Amino acid sequence: MEFANKVVLITGGASGIGGATSLAFAKEGADVALTYLTSEKEAAAVVAAIERLGRRALALQADMSDPDRVDAVVAETEARLGPIEVLFANAGGLLQQSPISETTLEFWKKTFAVNVESTFLSCKAVFLRMTPRRRGAIITMASLAAFNGARPGGAHYAATKGAVVSFTRGLAKEAGPLGIRVNGVAPGLIATRFHEQFNTPEGRRGTVAATPLQREGRPEDVANAVMFLASDRAAYLAGEIIQINGGIMMY
């Protein structure tokens, strides 16, 4: 198994892409700690599924934009499971659509806290633990929106994901000489509650029609990319952002 006995921390790991990635790592032999904000039942279900696979699992409630809570999550994970070897900084999301004309500074800052501060805090906390061990892999969650500016009403979200891309590359330059690889994933349309909430059925059908692979992505498609970046198969990748969008936008 590719991740036998390794400890993986996945923020926002109870459902959707995070939930699929939690299970995918466990199937490859990893012990998994996951965080959730409000999805306690879903988190418990993922933990139970991982334990049925014979692996250890830990679900921790946390607001990942709270620095004290982030530090506590990392400390508890290492105390109960062992040294973290892989971090998937997945926590975040789109709070609501908001045209620029209606976006307040307070809401702008809140969106950055959810997506950028949470990524920074979790990456920093794990990076500090990995540094003396001189090994580890960190994967961040960007988005197609970082590259295409999102749909109207999503500029605030696109800005946060653009910041995640730049942060990923900057951290990769600092972490590489210390034996730590940092990369990211940028999903497009994925069949999750997120896209059900913020896309109309007609809009999703239009996106699929414009996508060369002619389907929505699955959470497992993203999980596979995350696992690749975490594996030794990606040993010479640093600062890369893998696009997972079926070819609707190519770089």
Protein backbone atom coordinates (compact mmCIF):
# COMPACT_ATOMS: atom_id res chain seq x y z
CA MET A 1 0.00 0.00 0.00
CA GLU A 2 1.32 3.39 -1.03
CA PHE A 3 0.70 5.19 2.28
CA ALA A 4 1.01 2.29 4.72
CA ASN A 5 1.10 3.54 8.32
CA LYS A 6 1.55 7.18 7.29
CA VAL A 7 -0.44 9.87 9.08
CA VAL A 8 -2.50 12.20 6.91
CA LEU A 9 -4.33 15.33 8.07
CA ILE A 10 -7.20 16.52 5.88
CA THR A 11 -8.92 19.77 6.82
CA GLY A 12 -12.54 19.86 5.76
CA GLY A 13 -12.33 16.09 5.44
CA ALA A 14 -15.87 15.01 6.31
CA SER A 15 -17.71 15.30 3.00
CA GLY A 16 -17.38 16.01 -0.71
CA ILE A 17 -13.81 16.15 -1.96
CA GLY A 18 -12.44 16.02 1.58
CA GLY A 19 -14.46 12.96 2.50
CA ALA A 20 -13.48 11.12 -0.68
CA THR A 21 -9.83 11.95 -0.08
CA SER A 22 -9.98 10.78 3.54
CA LEU A 23 -11.28 7.38 2.41
CA ALA A 24 -8.86 7.15 -0.50
CA PHE A 25 -5.83 7.59 1.75
CA ALA A 26 -7.17 5.03 4.23
CA LYS A 27 -7.64 2.49 1.43
CA GLU A 28 -3.93 2.92 0.71
CA GLY A 29 -2.98 2.21 4.32
CA ALA A 30 -2.91 5.67 5.90
CA ASP A 31 -4.18 6.70 9.31
CA VAL A 32 -6.33 9.80 8.84
CA ALA A 33 -7.18 12.80 10.98
CA LEU A 34 -9.89 15.01 9.53
CA THR A 35 -11.44 18.26 10.61
CA TYR A 36 -14.99 19.46 10.19
CA LEU A 37 -16.82 22.66 11.04
CA THR A 38 -20.46 21.55 11.42
CA SER A 39 -20.74 18.16 9.66
CA GLU A 40 -20.43 16.02 12.81
CA LYS A 41 -22.55 13.11 11.52
CA GLU A 42 -20.71 13.01 8.20
CA ALA A 43 -17.37 13.13 10.00
CA ALA A 44 -18.41 10.24 12.23
CA ALA A 45 -19.48 8.23 9.18
CA VAL A 46 -16.11 8.79 7.48
CA VAL A 47 -14.27 7.78 10.66
CA ALA A 48 -16.36 4.60 10.90
CA ALA A 49 -15.66 3.77 7.25
CA ILE A 50 -11.92 4.25 7.76
CA GLU A 51 -11.93 2.07 10.87
CA ARG A 52 -13.73 -0.67 8.93
CA LEU A 53 -10.72 -0.62 6.61
CA GLY A 54 -8.54 -1.42 9.61
CA ARG A 55 -6.99 2.03 9.87
CA ARG A 56 -7.00 4.57 12.69
CA ALA A 57 -9.09 7.72 12.26
CA LEU A 58 -9.72 10.89 14.19
CA ALA A 59 -12.36 13.59 13.60
CA LEU A 60 -11.81 17.00 15.17
CA GLN A 61 -14.25 19.91 15.13
CA ALA A 62 -12.41 23.08 14.19
CA ASP A 63 -12.72 26.51 12.64
CA MET A 64 -9.50 26.41 10.65
CA SER A 65 -9.28 30.21 10.59
CA ASP A 66 -8.80 30.17 14.38
CA PRO A 67 -5.03 29.97 15.01
CA ASP A 68 -5.35 28.48 18.49
CA ARG A 69 -7.71 25.77 17.27
CA VAL A 70 -5.47 24.96 14.30
CA ASP A 71 -2.47 24.51 16.58
CA ALA A 72 -4.56 22.28 18.86
CA VAL A 73 -5.70 20.12 15.93
CA VAL A 74 -2.14 19.56 14.75
CA ALA A 75 -0.89 18.82 18.26
CA GLU A 76 -3.72 16.36 18.99
CA THR A 77 -3.26 14.61 15.66
CA GLU A 78 0.42 14.00 16.32
CA ALA A 79 -0.19 13.00 19.94
CA ARG A 80 -2.83 10.42 19.02
CA LEU A 81 -1.76 9.18 15.59
CA GLY A 82 1.90 10.14 15.16
CA PRO A 83 3.91 12.55 13.01
CA ILE A 84 1.92 14.10 10.16
CA GLU A 85 3.47 13.15 6.82
CA VAL A 86 0.78 14.57 4.53
CA LEU A 87 -1.45 17.63 4.86
CA PHE A 88 -4.34 18.31 2.50
CA ALA A 89 -5.40 21.89 3.33
CA ASN A 90 -8.89 21.53 1.94
CA ALA A 91 -11.04 23.56 4.36
CA GLY A 92 -12.80 26.54 2.79
CA GLY A 93 -15.65 27.38 0.50
CA LEU A 94 -17.90 29.96 -1.09
CA LEU A 95 -20.10 31.60 1.53
CA GLN A 96 -22.47 33.14 -1.03
CA GLN A 97 -22.50 34.82 -4.40
CA SER A 98 -21.87 38.55 -4.04
CA PRO A 99 -21.54 41.07 -6.88
CA ILE A 100 -18.77 43.60 -6.29
CA SER A 101 -21.36 46.38 -5.97
CA GLU A 102 -22.87 44.54 -2.99
CA THR A 103 -19.69 43.16 -1.41
CA THR A 104 -18.81 44.82 1.86
CA LEU A 105 -15.27 44.97 3.19
CA GLU A 106 -16.40 42.87 6.14
CA PHE A 107 -17.68 40.11 3.85
CA TRP A 108 -14.52 40.32 1.71
CA LYS A 109 -12.37 39.81 4.81
CA LYS A 110 -14.57 36.94 6.01
CA THR A 111 -14.14 35.15 2.68
CA PHE A 112 -10.37 35.56 2.93
CA ALA A 113 -10.47 34.17 6.48
CA VAL A 114 -12.37 31.09 5.32
CA ASN A 115 -10.14 30.31 2.34
CA VAL A 116 -6.77 32.01 2.76
CA GLU A 117 -6.20 32.35 6.49
CA SER A 118 -7.31 28.75 7.06
CA THR A 119 -4.86 27.54 4.41
CA PHE A 120 -2.02 29.65 5.78
CA LEU A 121 -2.60 28.58 9.38
CA SER A 122 -2.88 24.85 8.71
CA CYS A 123 0.10 24.86 6.35
CA LYS A 124 2.24 26.83 8.80
CA ALA A 125 1.36 24.63 11.77
CA VAL A 126 2.16 21.41 9.91
CA PHE A 127 5.20 22.90 8.16
CA LEU A 128 6.73 23.74 11.55
CA ARG A 129 6.27 20.11 12.62
CA MET A 130 7.68 18.73 9.38
CA THR A 131 10.73 21.00 9.30
CA PRO A 132 12.90 19.20 11.90
CA ARG A 133 11.97 15.85 10.31
CA ARG A 134 12.93 17.19 6.86
CA ARG A 135 10.19 15.34 5.04
CA GLY A 136 6.52 15.67 4.20
CA ALA A 137 4.02 16.71 1.56
CA ILE A 138 1.54 19.59 1.70
CA ILE A 139 -1.28 19.93 -0.82
CA THR A 140 -3.51 23.01 -0.96
CA MET A 141 -6.99 23.46 -2.41
CA ALA A 142 -7.18 26.11 -5.12
CA SER A 143 -9.88 26.30 -7.80
CA LEU A 144 -10.48 26.87 -11.48
CA ALA A 145 -11.85 30.22 -10.28
CA ALA A 146 -8.29 31.31 -9.47
CA PHE A 147 -7.55 31.23 -13.20
CA ASN A 148 -10.82 32.23 -14.87
CA GLY A 149 -12.08 34.76 -12.31
CA ALA A 150 -15.19 32.72 -11.44
CA ARG A 151 -18.69 33.60 -12.58
CA PRO A 152 -20.19 37.05 -11.99
CA GLY A 153 -20.77 37.36 -8.27
CA GLY A 154 -17.73 35.25 -7.44
CA ALA A 155 -14.83 37.70 -7.68
CA HIS A 156 -14.28 37.58 -3.91
CA TYR A 157 -13.98 33.79 -4.04
CA ALA A 158 -11.72 33.89 -7.10
CA ALA A 159 -9.44 36.36 -5.33
CA THR A 160 -9.03 34.03 -2.36
CA LYS A 161 -8.19 31.07 -4.55
CA GLY A 162 -5.70 33.17 -6.52
CA ALA A 163 -4.07 33.96 -3.19
CA VAL A 164 -3.92 30.25 -2.37
CA VAL A 165 -2.12 29.58 -5.67
CA SER A 166 0.49 32.26 -4.96
CA PHE A 167 0.90 31.13 -1.36
CA THR A 168 1.40 27.53 -2.50
CA ARG A 169 4.20 28.54 -4.84
CA GLY A 170 5.85 30.79 -2.28
CA LEU A 171 5.74 28.13 0.42
CA ALA A 172 7.10 25.55 -2.03
CA LYS A 173 10.23 27.66 -2.47
CA GLU A 174 10.80 27.83 1.29
CA ALA A 175 9.89 24.21 1.98
CA GLY A 176 11.74 22.47 -0.83
CA PRO A 177 15.26 22.86 0.60
CA LEU A 178 13.91 21.38 3.84
CA GLY A 179 12.70 18.19 2.17
CA ILE A 180 9.04 19.22 2.14
CA ARG A 181 7.07 19.31 -1.11
CA VAL A 182 4.20 21.78 -1.53
CA ASN A 183 1.73 21.60 -4.42
CA GLY A 184 -1.96 22.24 -5.02
CA VAL A 185 -5.05 21.12 -6.88
CA ALA A 186 -7.51 23.35 -8.74
CA PRO A 187 -10.82 21.59 -9.40
CA GLY A 188 -13.43 22.77 -11.85
CA LEU A 189 -17.02 21.49 -11.83
CA ILE A 190 -17.14 18.57 -9.38
CA ALA A 191 -20.33 16.70 -8.45
CA THR A 192 -20.60 17.85 -4.82
CA ARG A 193 -23.09 19.82 -2.73
CA PHE A 194 -20.92 22.89 -3.29
CA HIS A 195 -21.72 22.98 -7.00
CA GLU A 196 -25.32 21.92 -6.47
CA GLN A 197 -25.72 24.95 -4.22
CA PHE A 198 -24.03 27.55 -6.41
CA ASN A 199 -24.82 26.30 -9.93
CA THR A 200 -28.17 25.87 -11.63
CA PRO A 201 -28.90 22.56 -13.39
CA GLU A 202 -28.88 24.45 -16.69
CA GLY A 203 -25.53 26.01 -15.88
CA ARG A 204 -24.03 22.65 -14.99
CA ARG A 205 -25.32 21.11 -18.20
CA GLY A 206 -23.78 23.98 -20.15
CA THR A 207 -20.44 23.45 -18.45
CA VAL A 208 -20.51 19.74 -19.21
CA ALA A 209 -21.35 20.45 -22.86
CA ALA A 210 -18.31 22.75 -23.10
CA THR A 211 -16.02 20.23 -21.38
CA PRO A 212 -13.96 17.96 -23.67
CA LEU A 213 -14.47 14.97 -21.35
CA GLN A 214 -18.24 15.60 -21.39
CA ARG A 215 -18.98 15.01 -17.71
CA GLU A 216 -18.76 16.54 -14.28
CA GLY A 217 -15.79 15.62 -12.19
CA ARG A 218 -16.17 13.25 -9.27
CA PRO A 219 -14.71 13.83 -5.80
CA GLU A 220 -12.56 10.76 -6.43
CA ASP A 221 -10.98 12.50 -9.43
CA VAL A 222 -9.63 15.16 -7.10
CA ALA A 223 -8.68 12.62 -4.43
CA ASN A 224 -6.57 10.75 -6.99
CA ALA A 225 -4.66 13.92 -7.86
CA VAL A 226 -4.09 14.75 -4.19
CA MET A 227 -2.75 11.27 -3.53
CA PHE A 228 -0.44 11.50 -6.53
CA LEU A 229 1.00 14.78 -5.26
CA ALA A 230 1.46 13.26 -1.80
CA SER A 231 3.22 10.18 -3.16
CA ASP A 232 6.81 9.45 -4.11
CA ARG A 233 5.63 9.43 -7.74
CA ALA A 234 5.55 13.23 -7.46
CA ALA A 235 8.97 13.44 -5.83
CA TYR A 236 10.21 16.08 -8.31
CA LEU A 237 7.12 18.29 -8.27
CA ALA A 238 7.03 21.50 -6.25
CA GLY A 239 4.82 24.56 -6.61
CA GLU A 240 2.60 22.82 -9.17
CA ILE A 241 -1.15 23.39 -9.34
CA ILE A 242 -2.86 20.44 -11.01
CA GLN A 243 -5.97 21.45 -12.94
CA ILE A 244 -8.84 18.97 -12.58
CA ASN A 245 -11.51 20.34 -14.89
CA GLY A 246 -12.06 17.86 -17.71
CA GLY A 247 -10.25 20.15 -20.14
CA ILE A 248 -12.70 23.06 -20.07
CA MET A 249 -9.72 25.36 -19.51
CA MET A 250 -6.18 24.35 -20.45
CA TYR A 251 -2.85 25.86 -19.39
